[in-house]
Amino acid sequence: MSTSISRLLSAAVFLALPCVAFAADIDWGSVQDITGSSDVLTSGNLVGAFNVGDTGVSSTEVNTVNFQGFAVPGGSGMSGNFSASGSFAYPDNTASGSTNAPFTGLDPAYQTLLMSRVSSIADFTLAISGLTVGAQYQFQFFVNNSSDTNNFGTSATGGMNTSDRLGDNPSFVDGGLGQYMIGSFTADSSMQTIVFTPDEVGVLNAFQLRLSPVGVPDGGQTLSLLALALGSLVLFRRQISRLRVA
């Protein structure tokens, strides 16, 4: 096969299957302070919600959302279509809690969600599979350490976009509360990777993924994607025919 034909083949495959190779860019929202159970997003349909911690971490229901226990012993773990890993990540089921307010003023179920965590001194990666191409999703995660008077930060990267820094205790007091963030993206493949990066010591307490209210693309959008793929393949065949004639 000539170099010209090889290049055309590569271009045709790229155009015909535009959503296979790359994870989507996440449009991160603003940093929000943790204040109460209503922080937990409930719009759209739940794909998965998890309470992150060590072996035996409990499930808990906050604002009608059931966060399943997601254990990452040794820094790695998996539940369904969600898997997490970190080379220097350390899970715990109670380390982010406190006996002081305002932490103790939270609903007990929310306290359970925020006292368990995985902390990391290096990048911690969450991989999500089984997504529907063209569907719109919302991802929410929580960063909290009420037991420490420091305020370490964590940011998240999805695709080419990195979020602002979330502090795990901006008030610098024992019992202080952390922050959360919601990001939105349209799946361009069945996979999405989110990387959490600490500024010194990062924390991830919980996360959830929801199919946004606009949901899955309608039939018209799906047909448009198919038309684009077929059109690219027709163009490719025409170019191949021209090269052979030449």
Protein backbone atom coordinates (compact mmCIF):
# COMPACT_ATOMS: atom_id res chain seq x y z
CA MET A 1 0.00 0.00 0.00
CA SER A 2 1.39 3.43 -1.01
CA THR A 3 2.04 6.17 1.52
CA SER A 4 -0.80 8.29 0.07
CA ILE A 5 -3.32 5.47 0.35
CA SER A 6 -2.16 4.69 3.90
CA ARG A 7 -2.67 8.29 4.93
CA LEU A 8 -6.13 8.39 3.40
CA LEU A 9 -7.07 5.19 5.20
CA SER A 10 -6.01 6.66 8.53
CA ALA A 11 -7.99 9.82 7.87
CA ALA A 12 -11.10 7.88 6.87
CA VAL A 13 -11.01 5.76 10.00
CA PHE A 14 -10.60 8.88 12.14
CA LEU A 15 -13.55 10.63 10.46
CA ALA A 16 -15.79 7.59 10.47
CA LEU A 17 -15.19 6.85 14.14
CA PRO A 18 -14.66 10.26 15.76
CA CYS A 19 -15.71 9.21 19.25
CA VAL A 20 -13.61 6.14 19.93
CA ALA A 21 -10.13 7.28 20.82
CA PHE A 22 -10.49 10.23 23.17
CA ALA A 23 -12.07 10.90 26.57
CA ALA A 24 -14.31 13.94 26.67
CA ASP A 25 -13.33 17.32 28.06
CA ILE A 26 -15.22 17.95 31.29
CA ASP A 27 -16.74 21.40 31.77
CA TRP A 28 -16.05 21.94 35.45
CA GLY A 29 -18.37 24.14 37.50
CA SER A 30 -17.39 26.42 40.34
CA VAL A 31 -16.06 25.24 43.70
CA GLN A 32 -18.87 24.88 46.26
CA ASP A 33 -18.59 24.77 50.06
CA ILE A 34 -20.07 21.73 51.79
CA THR A 35 -23.07 22.89 53.85
CA GLY A 36 -25.63 20.08 54.10
CA SER A 37 -27.31 17.10 52.49
CA SER A 38 -28.83 19.25 49.74
CA ASP A 39 -25.30 19.54 48.32
CA VAL A 40 -25.82 16.10 46.79
CA LEU A 41 -26.97 16.32 43.18
CA THR A 42 -30.26 14.55 42.39
CA SER A 43 -31.15 15.75 38.87
CA GLY A 44 -31.15 13.27 36.00
CA ASN A 45 -30.72 9.50 36.40
CA LEU A 46 -28.13 7.94 38.67
CA VAL A 47 -25.43 5.89 36.96
CA GLY A 48 -23.35 5.22 40.08
CA ALA A 49 -22.64 6.83 43.47
CA PHE A 50 -19.85 5.73 45.82
CA ASN A 51 -18.54 6.29 49.33
CA VAL A 52 -14.76 5.90 49.03
CA GLY A 53 -12.69 4.28 51.77
CA ASP A 54 -10.89 1.16 52.94
CA THR A 55 -12.13 -2.42 53.11
CA GLY A 56 -15.51 -2.50 54.85
CA VAL A 57 -16.44 1.09 54.00
CA SER A 58 -20.18 1.42 54.43
CA SER A 59 -22.91 2.48 52.06
CA THR A 60 -24.98 5.52 53.00
CA GLU A 61 -27.98 7.37 51.58
CA VAL A 62 -27.75 11.15 51.37
CA ASN A 63 -30.51 13.31 49.87
CA THR A 64 -32.16 10.15 48.42
CA VAL A 65 -28.92 9.11 46.66
CA ASN A 66 -27.53 5.70 47.68
CA PHE A 67 -23.74 5.91 47.83
CA GLN A 68 -22.36 2.38 47.72
CA GLY A 69 -19.19 1.49 49.58
CA PHE A 70 -16.18 1.73 47.25
CA ALA A 71 -13.14 0.14 48.86
CA VAL A 72 -9.67 0.95 47.52
CA PRO A 73 -7.32 -1.13 49.72
CA GLY A 74 -3.74 -0.45 48.73
CA GLY A 75 -4.99 2.46 46.63
CA SER A 76 -6.87 0.42 44.02
CA GLY A 77 -10.41 -0.88 43.69
CA MET A 78 -13.30 -1.57 41.36
CA SER A 79 -17.09 -1.60 41.46
CA GLY A 80 -19.05 -2.30 38.30
CA ASN A 81 -17.95 0.09 35.57
CA PHE A 82 -15.85 2.19 37.95
CA SER A 83 -12.20 1.49 38.79
CA ALA A 84 -9.69 3.56 40.73
CA SER A 85 -5.94 3.41 41.25
CA GLY A 86 -3.13 5.41 42.80
CA SER A 87 0.48 4.54 43.52
CA PHE A 88 0.63 6.54 46.76
CA ALA A 89 -3.00 6.45 47.90
CA TYR A 90 -4.10 5.56 51.43
CA PRO A 91 -7.74 4.76 52.29
CA ASP A 92 -9.45 5.12 55.66
CA ASN A 93 -13.05 4.81 56.85
CA THR A 94 -13.12 7.42 59.65
CA ALA A 95 -10.05 9.69 59.30
CA SER A 96 -11.90 12.70 57.84
CA GLY A 97 -14.51 12.92 60.58
CA SER A 98 -14.55 15.10 63.71
CA THR A 99 -16.32 15.42 67.06
CA ASN A 100 -16.65 19.17 66.57
CA ALA A 101 -19.08 21.42 64.70
CA PRO A 102 -19.90 22.18 61.97
CA PHE A 103 -19.14 18.56 61.00
CA THR A 104 -21.30 17.22 63.83
CA GLY A 105 -24.20 19.39 62.68
CA LEU A 106 -24.48 17.48 59.41
CA ASP A 107 -27.02 14.73 58.88
CA PRO A 108 -25.49 11.46 60.21
CA ALA A 109 -25.62 9.87 56.75
CA TYR A 110 -23.70 12.82 55.30
CA GLN A 111 -21.16 12.52 58.12
CA THR A 112 -20.64 8.89 57.12
CA LEU A 113 -20.04 9.95 53.52
CA LEU A 114 -17.51 12.61 54.43
CA MET A 115 -15.54 10.83 57.15
CA SER A 116 -14.31 8.05 54.86
CA ARG A 117 -11.73 8.87 52.21
CA VAL A 118 -8.73 7.99 50.16
CA SER A 119 -5.82 10.40 50.57
CA SER A 120 -2.95 10.57 48.11
CA ILE A 121 0.36 12.33 47.63
CA ALA A 122 0.32 11.64 43.88
CA ASP A 123 -2.25 11.46 41.10
CA PHE A 124 -5.25 9.24 41.80
CA THR A 125 -7.13 8.00 38.73
CA LEU A 126 -10.78 7.06 38.28
CA ALA A 127 -11.72 5.19 35.08
CA ILE A 128 -15.35 4.86 34.01
CA SER A 129 -16.53 2.45 31.32
CA GLY A 130 -19.87 1.59 29.71
CA LEU A 131 -20.80 5.16 28.75
CA THR A 132 -23.18 5.92 25.90
CA VAL A 133 -21.57 7.95 23.13
CA GLY A 134 -23.40 11.25 22.72
CA ALA A 135 -25.07 11.07 26.13
CA GLN A 136 -24.57 13.94 28.55
CA TYR A 137 -23.36 13.23 32.06
CA GLN A 138 -22.77 15.08 35.31
CA PHE A 139 -19.96 14.10 37.67
CA GLN A 140 -19.87 15.27 41.28
CA PHE A 141 -17.07 14.71 43.78
CA PHE A 142 -16.42 15.65 47.41
CA VAL A 143 -13.19 16.70 49.14
CA ASN A 144 -13.31 16.88 52.96
CA ASN A 145 -11.01 16.49 55.97
CA SER A 146 -12.70 17.78 59.11
CA SER A 147 -10.10 16.25 61.43
CA ASP A 148 -7.14 18.37 60.27
CA THR A 149 -6.58 22.11 60.65
CA ASN A 150 -4.61 22.24 57.42
CA ASN A 151 -6.31 22.97 54.11
CA PHE A 152 -4.83 20.69 51.49
CA GLY A 153 -6.17 20.91 47.95
CA THR A 154 -7.24 18.62 45.14
CA SER A 155 -8.01 19.36 41.50
CA ALA A 156 -9.54 17.08 38.87
CA THR A 157 -8.72 16.71 35.18
CA GLY A 158 -11.08 15.31 32.55
CA GLY A 159 -9.85 15.39 28.96
CA MET A 160 -8.03 18.69 28.44
CA ASN A 161 -9.80 20.55 31.26
CA THR A 162 -8.57 20.84 34.85
CA SER A 163 -10.83 22.09 37.63
CA ASP A 164 -10.04 24.77 40.17
CA ARG A 165 -8.55 23.65 43.46
CA LEU A 166 -10.92 22.24 46.10
CA GLY A 167 -9.84 22.69 49.71
CA ASP A 168 -10.49 19.90 52.22
CA ASN A 169 -10.89 22.34 55.15
CA PRO A 170 -10.84 26.02 54.09
CA SER A 171 -11.77 27.22 57.60
CA PHE A 172 -8.59 25.69 59.09
CA VAL A 173 -10.45 24.44 62.20
CA ASP A 174 -11.09 21.01 63.67
CA GLY A 175 -14.61 20.21 62.52
CA GLY A 176 -14.44 22.44 59.46
CA LEU A 177 -15.99 21.31 56.18
CA GLY A 178 -14.51 20.86 52.73
CA GLN A 179 -15.80 21.50 49.23
CA TYR A 180 -17.42 19.80 46.26
CA MET A 181 -17.70 20.33 42.51
CA ILE A 182 -19.89 19.26 39.60
CA GLY A 183 -18.59 18.79 36.07
CA SER A 184 -20.54 18.12 32.87
CA PHE A 185 -19.48 16.31 29.71
CA THR A 186 -20.85 14.67 26.59
CA ALA A 187 -19.36 11.20 26.20
CA ASP A 188 -17.29 10.87 23.03
CA SER A 189 -16.39 7.25 23.76
CA SER A 190 -17.49 4.48 26.10
CA MET A 191 -14.65 5.43 28.48
CA GLN A 192 -13.93 8.47 30.64
CA THR A 193 -10.87 8.99 32.81
CA ILE A 194 -10.71 11.53 35.63
CA VAL A 195 -7.39 12.24 37.35
CA PHE A 196 -7.31 13.79 40.83
CA THR A 197 -4.13 15.73 41.56
CA PRO A 198 -3.07 16.91 45.04
CA ASP A 199 -1.26 20.16 45.72
CA GLU A 200 0.40 18.32 48.62
CA VAL A 201 -2.00 15.74 50.04
CA GLY A 202 -5.17 15.12 48.03
CA VAL A 203 -8.44 13.75 49.37
CA LEU A 204 -11.40 12.08 47.66
CA ASN A 205 -14.33 11.15 49.92
CA ALA A 206 -17.13 10.35 47.51
CA PHE A 207 -18.34 10.78 43.94
CA GLN A 208 -21.34 10.17 41.75
CA LEU A 209 -22.10 10.04 38.01
CA ARG A 210 -25.53 10.94 36.68
CA LEU A 211 -27.10 10.93 33.23
CA SER A 212 -28.14 14.55 32.85
CA PRO A 213 -31.81 15.46 32.24
CA VAL A 214 -31.17 15.95 28.50
CA GLY A 215 -30.06 12.30 28.47
CA VAL A 216 -29.18 10.23 25.44
CA PRO A 217 -29.11 11.79 21.96
CA ASP A 218 -32.33 11.39 20.01
CA GLY A 219 -32.73 9.42 16.81
CA GLY A 220 -31.97 12.45 14.65
CA GLN A 221 -28.58 12.94 16.30
CA THR A 222 -27.78 9.27 15.99
CA LEU A 223 -28.68 9.28 12.29
CA SER A 224 -26.48 12.34 11.79
CA LEU A 225 -23.51 10.50 13.29
CA LEU A 226 -24.15 7.51 11.04
CA ALA A 227 -24.45 9.78 8.00
CA LEU A 228 -21.11 11.39 8.85
CA ALA A 229 -19.43 8.00 9.10
CA LEU A 230 -20.93 6.75 5.81
CA GLY A 231 -20.05 9.98 4.05
CA SER A 232 -16.44 9.70 5.18
CA LEU A 233 -16.20 6.14 3.91
CA VAL A 234 -17.69 7.10 0.51
CA LEU A 235 -15.18 9.94 0.21
CA PHE A 236 -12.37 7.56 1.08
CA ARG A 237 -13.41 5.07 -1.63
CA ARG A 238 -13.55 7.85 -4.23
CA GLN A 239 -10.06 9.02 -3.33
CA ILE A 240 -8.71 5.47 -3.55
CA SER A 241 -10.28 5.08 -7.01
CA ARG A 242 -8.66 8.32 -8.21
CA LEU A 243 -5.25 7.21 -6.97
CA ARG A 244 -5.55 3.90 -8.79
CA VAL A 245 -6.49 5.63 -12.03
CA ALA A 246 -3.57 8.04 -11.65
